[in-house]
Amino acid sequence: MTTKRALIKELAQRMECTDVAAKKFLNSYIELITEKLSEGEGVSIHYFGKLVPHYQTERPGRNLRTGEECKIRARTSVKFKASEILIQKLNPDVSCSPNKWREK
């Protein structure tokens, strides 16, 4: 898995800028996406995919060690849906659309 530090170095090389400028750009980008998601907005990045806040309601759960029942609090997580272009780049040998990959 690529680390943030490695991404910054590669970004700096590709943009032909300093590591400091690349780090500032990446941090601002992550902060902006985080703000939009925390406001309840989805973020769509063309040719990459969509990040959408996913609201999970409170539900019953169980402590696996003790078997005791407990409530799992409501929370918001993030779902990612990859674009068809990204999926095709990850699977170049498959020529059909991702929706056709699913078995019925």
PDB file of N, CA and C in Angstrom:
ATOM      1  N   MET A   1       0.845  -1.170   0.000  1.00  0.00           N
ATOM      2  CA  MET A   1       0.000   0.000   0.000  1.00  0.00           C
ATOM      3  C   MET A   1       0.892   1.235   0.000  1.00  0.00           C
ATOM      4  N   THR A   2       0.550   2.205  -0.802  1.00  0.00           N
ATOM      5  CA  THR A   2       1.317   3.440  -0.896  1.00  0.00           C
ATOM      6  C   THR A   2       0.984   4.347   0.281  1.00  0.00           C
ATOM      7  N   THR A   3       2.008   4.927   0.866  1.00  0.00           N
ATOM      8  CA  THR A   3       1.809   5.830   1.998  1.00  0.00           C
ATOM      9  C   THR A   3       1.594   7.262   1.513  1.00  0.00           C
ATOM     10  N   LYS A   4       1.125   8.103   2.418  1.00  0.00           N
ATOM     11  CA  LYS A   4       0.925   9.515   2.089  1.00  0.00           C
ATOM     12  C   LYS A   4       2.263  10.159   1.706  1.00  0.00           C
ATOM     13  N   ARG A   5       3.306   9.797   2.416  1.00  0.00           N
ATOM     14  CA  ARG A   5       4.625  10.359   2.132  1.00  0.00           C
ATOM     15  C   ARG A   5       5.092   9.995   0.718  1.00  0.00           C
ATOM     16  N   ALA A   6       4.859   8.747   0.315  1.00  0.00           N
ATOM     17  CA  ALA A   6       5.234   8.318  -1.034  1.00  0.00           C
ATOM     18  C   ALA A   6       4.400   9.041  -2.088  1.00  0.00           C
ATOM     19  N   LEU A   7       3.118   9.240  -1.796  1.00  0.00           N
ATOM     20  CA  LEU A   7       2.264   9.985  -2.725  1.00  0.00           C
ATOM     21  C   LEU A   7       2.761  11.416  -2.899  1.00  0.00           C
ATOM     22  N   ILE A   8       3.167  12.041  -1.814  1.00  0.00           N
ATOM     23  CA  ILE A   8       3.667  13.414  -1.877  1.00  0.00           C
ATOM     24  C   ILE A   8       4.917  13.487  -2.735  1.00  0.00           C
ATOM     25  N   LYS A   9       5.831  12.548  -2.554  1.00  0.00           N
ATOM     26  CA  LYS A   9       7.062  12.540  -3.353  1.00  0.00           C
ATOM     27  C   LYS A   9       6.760  12.363  -4.840  1.00  0.00           C
ATOM     28  N   GLU A  10       5.883  11.421  -5.166  1.00  0.00           N
ATOM     29  CA  GLU A  10       5.525  11.190  -6.568  1.00  0.00           C
ATOM     30  C   GLU A  10       4.783  12.387  -7.161  1.00  0.00           C
ATOM     31  N   LEU A  11       3.893  12.969  -6.375  1.00  0.00           N
ATOM     32  CA  LEU A  11       3.153  14.139  -6.826  1.00  0.00           C
ATOM     33  C   LEU A  11       4.098  15.301  -7.103  1.00  0.00           C
ATOM     34  N   ALA A  12       5.074  15.490  -6.240  1.00  0.00           N
ATOM     35  CA  ALA A  12       6.057  16.561  -6.427  1.00  0.00           C
ATOM     36  C   ALA A  12       6.852  16.357  -7.717  1.00  0.00           C
ATOM     37  N   GLN A  13       7.214  15.119  -8.004  1.00  0.00           N
ATOM     38  CA  GLN A  13       7.950  14.832  -9.244  1.00  0.00           C
ATOM     39  C   GLN A  13       7.083  15.098 -10.466  1.00  0.00           C
ATOM     40  N   ARG A  14       5.840  14.628 -10.431  1.00  0.00           N
ATOM     41  CA  ARG A  14       4.947  14.795 -11.581  1.00  0.00           C
ATOM     42  C   ARG A  14       4.571  16.256 -11.820  1.00  0.00           C
ATOM     43  N   MET A  15       4.415  17.027 -10.739  1.00  0.00           N
ATOM     44  CA  MET A  15       4.040  18.436 -10.866  1.00  0.00           C
ATOM     45  C   MET A  15       5.266  19.334 -11.013  1.00  0.00           C
ATOM     46  N   GLU A  16       6.443  18.743 -10.882  1.00  0.00           N
ATOM     47  CA  GLU A  16       7.705  19.479 -10.934  1.00  0.00           C
ATOM     48  C   GLU A  16       7.700  20.632  -9.932  1.00  0.00           C
ATOM     49  N   CYS A  17       7.416  20.276  -8.675  1.00  0.00           N
ATOM     50  CA  CYS A  17       7.406  21.254  -7.593  1.00  0.00           C
ATOM     51  C   CYS A  17       8.099  20.638  -6.379  1.00  0.00           C
ATOM     52  N   THR A  18       8.167  21.406  -5.320  1.00  0.00           N
ATOM     53  CA  THR A  18       8.824  20.907  -4.111  1.00  0.00           C
ATOM     54  C   THR A  18       7.900  19.951  -3.363  1.00  0.00           C
ATOM     55  N   ASP A  19       8.504  19.158  -2.478  1.00  0.00           N
ATOM     56  CA  ASP A  19       7.723  18.267  -1.629  1.00  0.00           C
ATOM     57  C   ASP A  19       6.778  19.067  -0.729  1.00  0.00           C
ATOM     58  N   VAL A  20       7.206  20.235  -0.296  1.00  0.00           N
ATOM     59  CA  VAL A  20       6.393  21.074   0.579  1.00  0.00           C
ATOM     60  C   VAL A  20       5.130  21.535  -0.156  1.00  0.00           C
ATOM     61  N   ALA A  21       5.283  21.957  -1.409  1.00  0.00           N
ATOM     62  CA  ALA A  21       4.124  22.399  -2.201  1.00  0.00           C
ATOM     63  C   ALA A  21       3.175  21.238  -2.472  1.00  0.00           C
ATOM     64  N   ALA A  22       3.735  20.076  -2.776  1.00  0.00           N
ATOM     65  CA  ALA A  22       2.909  18.894  -3.038  1.00  0.00           C
ATOM     66  C   ALA A  22       2.167  18.479  -1.764  1.00  0.00           C
ATOM     67  N   LYS A  23       2.842  18.560  -0.628  1.00  0.00           N
ATOM     68  CA  LYS A  23       2.211  18.202   0.641  1.00  0.00           C
ATOM     69  C   LYS A  23       1.075  19.174   0.956  1.00  0.00           C
ATOM     70  N   LYS A  24       1.298  20.460   0.721  1.00  0.00           N
ATOM     71  CA  LYS A  24       0.263  21.463   0.962  1.00  0.00           C
ATOM     72  C   LYS A  24      -0.947  21.208   0.059  1.00  0.00           C
ATOM     73  N   PHE A  25      -0.690  20.872  -1.206  1.00  0.00           N
ATOM     74  CA  PHE A  25      -1.771  20.574  -2.143  1.00  0.00           C
ATOM     75  C   PHE A  25      -2.562  19.354  -1.681  1.00  0.00           C
ATOM     76  N   LEU A  26      -1.866  18.267  -1.366  1.00  0.00           N
ATOM     77  CA  LEU A  26      -2.540  17.031  -0.970  1.00  0.00           C
ATOM     78  C   LEU A  26      -3.336  17.218   0.321  1.00  0.00           C
ATOM     79  N   ASN A  27      -2.755  17.903   1.304  1.00  0.00           N
ATOM     80  CA  ASN A  27      -3.466  18.151   2.559  1.00  0.00           C
ATOM     81  C   ASN A  27      -4.713  19.005   2.335  1.00  0.00           C
ATOM     82  N   SER A  28      -4.620  20.020   1.479  1.00  0.00           N
ATOM     83  CA  SER A  28      -5.778  20.863   1.169  1.00  0.00           C
ATOM     84  C   SER A  28      -6.852  20.058   0.467  1.00  0.00           C
ATOM     85  N   TYR A  29      -6.456  19.181  -0.435  1.00  0.00           N
ATOM     86  CA  TYR A  29      -7.385  18.344  -1.186  1.00  0.00           C
ATOM     87  C   TYR A  29      -8.138  17.400  -0.248  1.00  0.00           C
ATOM     88  N   ILE A  30      -7.403  16.754   0.645  1.00  0.00           N
ATOM     89  CA  ILE A  30      -8.014  15.837   1.616  1.00  0.00           C
ATOM     90  C   ILE A  30      -8.943  16.610   2.556  1.00  0.00           C
ATOM     91  N   GLU A  31      -8.513  17.779   3.003  1.00  0.00           N
ATOM     92  CA  GLU A  31      -9.325  18.598   3.909  1.00  0.00           C
ATOM     93  C   GLU A  31     -10.624  19.034   3.229  1.00  0.00           C
ATOM     94  N   LEU A  32     -10.547  19.424   1.965  1.00  0.00           N
ATOM     95  CA  LEU A  32     -11.735  19.851   1.224  1.00  0.00           C
ATOM     96  C   LEU A  32     -12.737  18.710   1.068  1.00  0.00           C
ATOM     97  N   ILE A  33     -12.251  17.533   0.701  1.00  0.00           N
ATOM     98  CA  ILE A  33     -13.121  16.369   0.552  1.00  0.00           C
ATOM     99  C   ILE A  33     -13.754  16.010   1.904  1.00  0.00           C
ATOM    100  N   THR A  34     -12.973  16.050   2.965  1.00  0.00           N
ATOM    101  CA  THR A  34     -13.480  15.753   4.311  1.00  0.00           C
ATOM    102  C   THR A  34     -14.568  16.742   4.721  1.00  0.00           C
ATOM    103  N   GLU A  35     -14.366  18.027   4.432  1.00  0.00           N
ATOM    104  CA  GLU A  35     -15.374  19.041   4.753  1.00  0.00           C
ATOM    105  C   GLU A  35     -16.677  18.774   4.018  1.00  0.00           C
ATOM    106  N   LYS A  36     -16.588  18.493   2.731  1.00  0.00           N
ATOM    107  CA  LYS A  36     -17.798  18.249   1.933  1.00  0.00           C
ATOM    108  C   LYS A  36     -18.544  17.020   2.440  1.00  0.00           C
ATOM    109  N   LEU A  37     -17.827  15.959   2.765  1.00  0.00           N
ATOM    110  CA  LEU A  37     -18.464  14.752   3.284  1.00  0.00           C
ATOM    111  C   LEU A  37     -19.106  15.002   4.642  1.00  0.00           C
ATOM    112  N   SER A  38     -18.442  15.776   5.505  1.00  0.00           N
ATOM    113  CA  SER A  38     -18.999  16.055   6.832  1.00  0.00           C
ATOM    114  C   SER A  38     -20.216  16.963   6.748  1.00  0.00           C
ATOM    115  N   GLU A  39     -20.365  17.711   5.647  1.00  0.00           N
ATOM    116  CA  GLU A  39     -21.549  18.544   5.420  1.00  0.00           C
ATOM    117  C   GLU A  39     -22.687  17.726   4.808  1.00  0.00           C
ATOM    118  N   GLY A  40     -22.422  16.441   4.551  1.00  0.00           N
ATOM    119  CA  GLY A  40     -23.451  15.570   3.995  1.00  0.00           C
ATOM    120  C   GLY A  40     -23.472  15.536   2.477  1.00  0.00           C
ATOM    121  N   GLU A  41     -22.499  16.156   1.848  1.00  0.00           N
ATOM    122  CA  GLU A  41     -22.416  16.178   0.387  1.00  0.00           C
ATOM    123  C   GLU A  41     -21.543  15.044  -0.110  1.00  0.00           C
ATOM    124  N   GLY A  42     -21.894  14.491  -1.255  1.00  0.00           N
ATOM    125  CA  GLY A  42     -21.042  13.522  -1.913  1.00  0.00           C
ATOM    126  C   GLY A  42     -19.995  14.250  -2.738  1.00  0.00           C
ATOM    127  N   VAL A  43     -18.924  13.563  -3.068  1.00  0.00           N
ATOM    128  CA  VAL A  43     -17.863  14.134  -3.889  1.00  0.00           C
ATOM    129  C   VAL A  43     -17.666  13.220  -5.089  1.00  0.00           C
ATOM    130  N   SER A  44     -17.812  13.791  -6.283  1.00  0.00           N
ATOM    131  CA  SER A  44     -17.641  13.028  -7.507  1.00  0.00           C
ATOM    132  C   SER A  44     -16.375  13.493  -8.201  1.00  0.00           C
ATOM    133  N   ILE A  45     -15.465  12.566  -8.457  1.00  0.00           N
ATOM    134  CA  ILE A  45     -14.209  12.875  -9.135  1.00  0.00           C
ATOM    135  C   ILE A  45     -14.244  12.155 -10.477  1.00  0.00           C
ATOM    136  N   HIS A  46     -14.377  12.938 -11.548  1.00  0.00           N
ATOM    137  CA  HIS A  46     -14.524  12.380 -12.893  1.00  0.00           C
ATOM    138  C   HIS A  46     -13.380  11.410 -13.205  1.00  0.00           C
ATOM    139  N   TYR A  47     -13.689  10.292 -13.804  1.00  0.00           N
ATOM    140  CA  TYR A  47     -12.766   9.218 -14.169  1.00  0.00           C
ATOM    141  C   TYR A  47     -12.227   8.448 -12.966  1.00  0.00           C
ATOM    142  N   PHE A  48     -12.634   8.792 -11.734  1.00  0.00           N
ATOM    143  CA  PHE A  48     -12.149   8.080 -10.557  1.00  0.00           C
ATOM    144  C   PHE A  48     -13.294   7.416  -9.814  1.00  0.00           C
ATOM    145  N   GLY A  49     -14.265   8.195  -9.347  1.00  0.00           N
ATOM    146  CA  GLY A  49     -15.397   7.612  -8.646  1.00  0.00           C
ATOM    147  C   GLY A  49     -16.109   8.617  -7.768  1.00  0.00           C
ATOM    148  N   LYS A  50     -17.000   8.099  -6.936  1.00  0.00           N
ATOM    149  CA  LYS A  50     -17.798   8.941  -6.049  1.00  0.00           C
ATOM    150  C   LYS A  50     -17.584   8.516  -4.606  1.00  0.00           C
ATOM    151  N   LEU A  51     -17.438   9.501  -3.742  1.00  0.00           N
ATOM    152  CA  LEU A  51     -17.392   9.297  -2.300  1.00  0.00           C
ATOM    153  C   LEU A  51     -18.694   9.859  -1.755  1.00  0.00           C
ATOM    154  N   VAL A  52     -19.448   9.041  -1.038  1.00  0.00           N
ATOM    155  CA  VAL A  52     -20.772   9.444  -0.557  1.00  0.00           C
ATOM    156  C   VAL A  52     -20.889   9.124   0.925  1.00  0.00           C
ATOM    157  N   PRO A  53     -21.387  10.097   1.744  1.00  0.00           N
ATOM    158  CA  PRO A  53     -21.609   9.778   3.148  1.00  0.00           C
ATOM    159  C   PRO A  53     -22.711   8.729   3.277  1.00  0.00           C
ATOM    160  N   HIS A  54     -22.495   7.765   4.146  1.00  0.00           N
ATOM    161  CA  HIS A  54     -23.462   6.678   4.346  1.00  0.00           C
ATOM    162  C   HIS A  54     -23.898   6.703   5.804  1.00  0.00           C
ATOM    163  N   TYR A  55     -25.187   6.950   6.017  1.00  0.00           N
ATOM    164  CA  TYR A  55     -25.723   7.062   7.367  1.00  0.00           C
ATOM    165  C   TYR A  55     -26.176   5.691   7.849  1.00  0.00           C
ATOM    166  N   GLN A  56     -25.660   5.266   8.976  1.00  0.00           N
ATOM    167  CA  GLN A  56     -26.024   3.983   9.572  1.00  0.00           C
ATOM    168  C   GLN A  56     -26.804   4.260  10.854  1.00  0.00           C
ATOM    169  N   THR A  57     -27.985   3.678  10.953  1.00  0.00           N
ATOM    170  CA  THR A  57     -28.823   3.897  12.127  1.00  0.00           C
ATOM    171  C   THR A  57     -28.340   3.030  13.290  1.00  0.00           C
ATOM    172  N   GLU A  58     -28.822   3.375  14.480  1.00  0.00           N
ATOM    173  CA  GLU A  58     -28.496   2.573  15.660  1.00  0.00           C
ATOM    174  C   GLU A  58     -29.104   1.182  15.482  1.00  0.00           C
ATOM    175  N   ARG A  59     -28.360   0.174  15.908  1.00  0.00           N
ATOM    176  CA  ARG A  59     -28.853  -1.197  15.737  1.00  0.00           C
ATOM    177  C   ARG A  59     -28.357  -2.059  16.882  1.00  0.00           C
ATOM    178  N   PRO A  60     -29.033  -3.188  17.108  1.00  0.00           N
ATOM    179  CA  PRO A  60     -28.581  -4.086  18.178  1.00  0.00           C
ATOM    180  C   PRO A  60     -27.315  -4.832  17.751  1.00  0.00           C
ATOM    181  N   GLY A  61     -26.464  -5.094  18.715  1.00  0.00           N
ATOM    182  CA  GLY A  61     -25.239  -5.839  18.451  1.00  0.00           C
ATOM    183  C   GLY A  61     -24.958  -6.784  19.594  1.00  0.00           C
ATOM    184  N   ARG A  62     -23.803  -7.438  19.525  1.00  0.00           N
ATOM    185  CA  ARG A  62     -23.459  -8.406  20.562  1.00  0.00           C
ATOM    186  C   ARG A  62     -21.947  -8.355  20.773  1.00  0.00           C
ATOM    187  N   ASN A  63     -21.544  -8.357  22.044  1.00  0.00           N
ATOM    188  CA  ASN A  63     -20.141  -8.453  22.395  1.00  0.00           C
ATOM    189  C   ASN A  63     -19.718  -9.900  22.126  1.00  0.00           C
ATOM    190  N   LEU A  64     -18.781 -10.096  21.220  1.00  0.00           N
ATOM    191  CA  LEU A  64     -18.399 -11.456  20.819  1.00  0.00           C
ATOM    192  C   LEU A  64     -17.708 -12.233  21.942  1.00  0.00           C
ATOM    193  N   ARG A  65     -17.024 -11.546  22.844  1.00  0.00           N
ATOM    194  CA  ARG A  65     -16.339 -12.244  23.941  1.00  0.00           C
ATOM    195  C   ARG A  65     -17.310 -12.734  25.013  1.00  0.00           C
ATOM    196  N   THR A  66     -18.236 -11.830  25.398  1.00  0.00           N
ATOM    197  CA  THR A  66     -19.125 -12.171  26.515  1.00  0.00           C
ATOM    198  C   THR A  66     -20.509 -12.623  26.076  1.00  0.00           C
ATOM    199  N   GLY A  67     -20.885 -12.337  24.842  1.00  0.00           N
ATOM    200  CA  GLY A  67     -22.222 -12.676  24.362  1.00  0.00           C
ATOM    201  C   GLY A  67     -23.276 -11.674  24.806  1.00  0.00           C
ATOM    202  N   GLU A  68     -22.853 -10.650  25.541  1.00  0.00           N
ATOM    203  CA  GLU A  68     -23.777  -9.634  26.042  1.00  0.00           C
ATOM    204  C   GLU A  68     -24.297  -8.766  24.901  1.00  0.00           C
ATOM    205  N   GLU A  69     -25.606  -8.513  24.931  1.00  0.00           N
ATOM    206  CA  GLU A  69     -26.198  -7.658  23.908  1.00  0.00           C
ATOM    207  C   GLU A  69     -25.893  -6.199  24.220  1.00  0.00           C
ATOM    208  N   CYS A  70     -25.693  -5.417  23.169  1.00  0.00           N
ATOM    209  CA  CYS A  70     -25.430  -3.993  23.326  1.00  0.00           C
ATOM    210  C   CYS A  70     -25.970  -3.270  22.092  1.00  0.00           C
ATOM    211  N   LYS A  71     -25.999  -1.946  22.155  1.00  0.00           N
ATOM    212  CA  LYS A  71     -26.448  -1.165  21.011  1.00  0.00           C
ATOM    213  C   LYS A  71     -25.225  -0.597  20.291  1.00  0.00           C
ATOM    214  N   ILE A  72     -25.275  -0.683  18.986  1.00  0.00           N
ATOM    215  CA  ILE A  72     -24.238  -0.054  18.172  1.00  0.00           C
ATOM    216  C   ILE A  72     -24.780   1.317  17.797  1.00  0.00           C
ATOM    217  N   ARG A  73     -24.052   2.364  18.188  1.00  0.00           N
ATOM    218  CA  ARG A  73     -24.534   3.727  17.984  1.00  0.00           C
ATOM    219  C   ARG A  73     -24.655   4.072  16.500  1.00  0.00           C
ATOM    220  N   ALA A  74     -25.558   5.006  16.205  1.00  0.00           N
ATOM    221  CA  ALA A  74     -25.694   5.522  14.842  1.00  0.00           C
ATOM    222  C   ALA A  74     -24.404   6.250  14.479  1.00  0.00           C
ATOM    223  N   ARG A  75     -24.025   6.152  13.215  1.00  0.00           N
ATOM    224  CA  ARG A  75     -22.798   6.828  12.781  1.00  0.00           C
ATOM    225  C   ARG A  75     -22.849   7.066  11.279  1.00  0.00           C
ATOM    226  N   THR A  76     -21.927   7.850  10.823  1.00  0.00           N
ATOM    227  CA  THR A  76     -21.795   8.117   9.395  1.00  0.00           C
ATOM    228  C   THR A  76     -20.465   7.557   8.932  1.00  0.00           C
ATOM    229  N   SER A  77     -20.503   6.790   7.852  1.00  0.00           N
ATOM    230  CA  SER A  77     -19.273   6.285   7.246  1.00  0.00           C
ATOM    231  C   SER A  77     -19.245   6.780   5.799  1.00  0.00           C
ATOM    232  N   VAL A  78     -18.294   6.335   5.032  1.00  0.00           N
ATOM    233  CA  VAL A  78     -18.155   6.775   3.648  1.00  0.00           C
ATOM    234  C   VAL A  78     -18.165   5.561   2.739  1.00  0.00           C
ATOM    235  N   LYS A  79     -18.938   5.663   1.657  1.00  0.00           N
ATOM    236  CA  LYS A  79     -18.938   4.610   0.648  1.00  0.00           C
ATOM    237  C   LYS A  79     -18.263   5.153  -0.606  1.00  0.00           C
ATOM    238  N   PHE A  80     -17.531   4.286  -1.288  1.00  0.00           N
ATOM    239  CA  PHE A  80     -16.859   4.663  -2.530  1.00  0.00           C
ATOM    240  C   PHE A  80     -17.391   3.810  -3.663  1.00  0.00           C
ATOM    241  N   LYS A  81     -17.754   4.454  -4.762  1.00  0.00           N
ATOM    242  CA  LYS A  81     -18.183   3.736  -5.956  1.00  0.00           C
ATOM    243  C   LYS A  81     -17.245   4.133  -7.076  1.00  0.00           C
ATOM    244  N   ALA A  82     -16.477   3.182  -7.556  1.00  0.00           N
ATOM    245  CA  ALA A  82     -15.503   3.442  -8.609  1.00  0.00           C
ATOM    246  C   ALA A  82     -16.204   3.718  -9.932  1.00  0.00           C
ATOM    247  N   SER A  83     -15.623   4.613 -10.735  1.00  0.00           N
ATOM    248  CA  SER A  83     -16.178   4.896 -12.051  1.00  0.00           C
ATOM    249  C   SER A  83     -15.914   3.710 -12.979  1.00  0.00           C
ATOM    250  N   GLU A  84     -16.706   3.616 -14.030  1.00  0.00           N
ATOM    251  CA  GLU A  84     -16.508   2.526 -14.987  1.00  0.00           C
ATOM    252  C   GLU A  84     -15.131   2.621 -15.636  1.00  0.00           C
ATOM    253  N   ILE A  85     -14.649   3.840 -15.854  1.00  0.00           N
ATOM    254  CA  ILE A  85     -13.334   4.027 -16.473  1.00  0.00           C
ATOM    255  C   ILE A  85     -12.240   3.472 -15.564  1.00  0.00           C
ATOM    256  N   LEU A  86     -12.323   3.741 -14.258  1.00  0.00           N
ATOM    257  CA  LEU A  86     -11.343   3.206 -13.312  1.00  0.00           C
ATOM    258  C   LEU A  86     -11.403   1.685 -13.291  1.00  0.00           C
ATOM    259  N   ILE A  87     -12.602   1.133 -13.263  1.00  0.00           N
ATOM    260  CA  ILE A  87     -12.758  -0.324 -13.242  1.00  0.00           C
ATOM    261  C   ILE A  87     -12.174  -0.945 -14.506  1.00  0.00           C
ATOM    262  N   GLN A  88     -12.382  -0.303 -15.649  1.00  0.00           N
ATOM    263  CA  GLN A  88     -11.831  -0.819 -16.902  1.00  0.00           C
ATOM    264  C   GLN A  88     -10.304  -0.755 -16.912  1.00  0.00           C
ATOM    265  N   LYS A  89      -9.729   0.307 -16.298  1.00  0.00           N
ATOM    266  CA  LYS A  89      -8.264   0.397 -16.220  1.00  0.00           C
ATOM    267  C   LYS A  89      -7.685  -0.669 -15.296  1.00  0.00           C
ATOM    268  N   LEU A  90      -8.448  -1.047 -14.264  1.00  0.00           N
ATOM    269  CA  LEU A  90      -7.990  -2.096 -13.352  1.00  0.00           C
ATOM    270  C   LEU A  90      -8.168  -3.491 -13.953  1.00  0.00           C
ATOM    271  N   ASN A  91      -9.067  -3.618 -14.927  1.00  0.00           N
ATOM    272  CA  ASN A  91      -9.376  -4.897 -15.567  1.00  0.00           C
ATOM    273  C   ASN A  91      -9.309  -4.749 -17.082  1.00  0.00           C
ATOM    274  N   PRO A  92      -8.109  -4.494 -17.650  1.00  0.00           N
ATOM    275  CA  PRO A  92      -8.006  -4.220 -19.083  1.00  0.00           C
ATOM    276  C   PRO A  92      -8.379  -5.399 -19.976  1.00  0.00           C
ATOM    277  N   ASP A  93      -8.295  -6.611 -19.465  1.00  0.00           N
ATOM    278  CA  ASP A  93      -8.582  -7.788 -20.276  1.00  0.00           C
ATOM    279  C   ASP A  93     -10.071  -8.100 -20.359  1.00  0.00           C
ATOM    280  N   VAL A  94     -10.905  -7.374 -19.586  1.00  0.00           N
ATOM    281  CA  VAL A  94     -12.348  -7.597 -19.611  1.00  0.00           C
ATOM    282  C   VAL A  94     -12.963  -6.487 -20.456  1.00  0.00           C
ATOM    283  N   SER A  95     -13.706  -6.863 -21.495  1.00  0.00           N
ATOM    284  CA  SER A  95     -14.196  -5.863 -22.434  1.00  0.00           C
ATOM    285  C   SER A  95     -15.626  -5.401 -22.176  1.00  0.00           C
ATOM    286  N   CYS A  96     -16.351  -6.038 -21.264  1.00  0.00           N
ATOM    287  CA  CYS A  96     -17.742  -5.636 -21.037  1.00  0.00           C
ATOM    288  C   CYS A  96     -17.834  -4.630 -19.904  1.00  0.00           C
ATOM    289  N   SER A  97     -18.988  -3.993 -19.790  1.00  0.00           N
ATOM    290  CA  SER A  97     -19.194  -3.002 -18.741  1.00  0.00           C
ATOM    291  C   SER A  97     -19.308  -3.700 -17.386  1.00  0.00           C
ATOM    292  N   PRO A  98     -18.914  -3.008 -16.276  1.00  0.00           N
ATOM    293  CA  PRO A  98     -18.930  -3.622 -14.941  1.00  0.00           C
ATOM    294  C   PRO A  98     -20.300  -4.134 -14.532  1.00  0.00           C
ATOM    295  N   ASN A  99     -21.372  -3.493 -14.993  1.00  0.00           N
ATOM    296  CA  ASN A  99     -22.719  -3.930 -14.624  1.00  0.00           C
ATOM    297  C   ASN A  99     -23.022  -5.309 -15.179  1.00  0.00           C
ATOM    298  N   LYS A 100     -22.366  -5.695 -16.256  1.00  0.00           N
ATOM    299  CA  LYS A 100     -22.597  -6.996 -16.857  1.00  0.00           C
ATOM    300  C   LYS A 100     -21.781  -8.106 -16.194  1.00  0.00           C
ATOM    301  N   TRP A 101     -20.845  -7.719 -15.295  1.00  0.00           N
ATOM    302  CA  TRP A 101     -19.999  -8.711 -14.630  1.00  0.00           C
ATOM    303  C   TRP A 101     -20.775  -9.476 -13.577  1.00  0.00           C
ATOM    304  N   ARG A 102     -21.797  -8.849 -13.035  1.00  0.00           N
ATOM    305  CA  ARG A 102     -22.532  -9.465 -11.932  1.00  0.00           C
ATOM    306  C   ARG A 102     -23.380 -10.622 -12.438  1.00  0.00           C
ATOM    307  N   GLU A 103     -23.345 -11.690 -11.700  1.00  0.00           N
ATOM    308  CA  GLU A 103     -24.173 -12.840 -12.045  1.00  0.00           C
ATOM    309  C   GLU A 103     -25.571 -12.618 -11.473  1.00  0.00           C
ATOM    310  N   LYS A 104     -26.567 -13.081 -12.178  1.00  0.00           N
ATOM    311  CA  LYS A 104     -27.937 -12.926 -11.707  1.00  0.00           C
ATOM    312  C   LYS A 104     -28.444 -14.191 -11.108  1.00  0.00           C
TER     313      LYS A 104
END
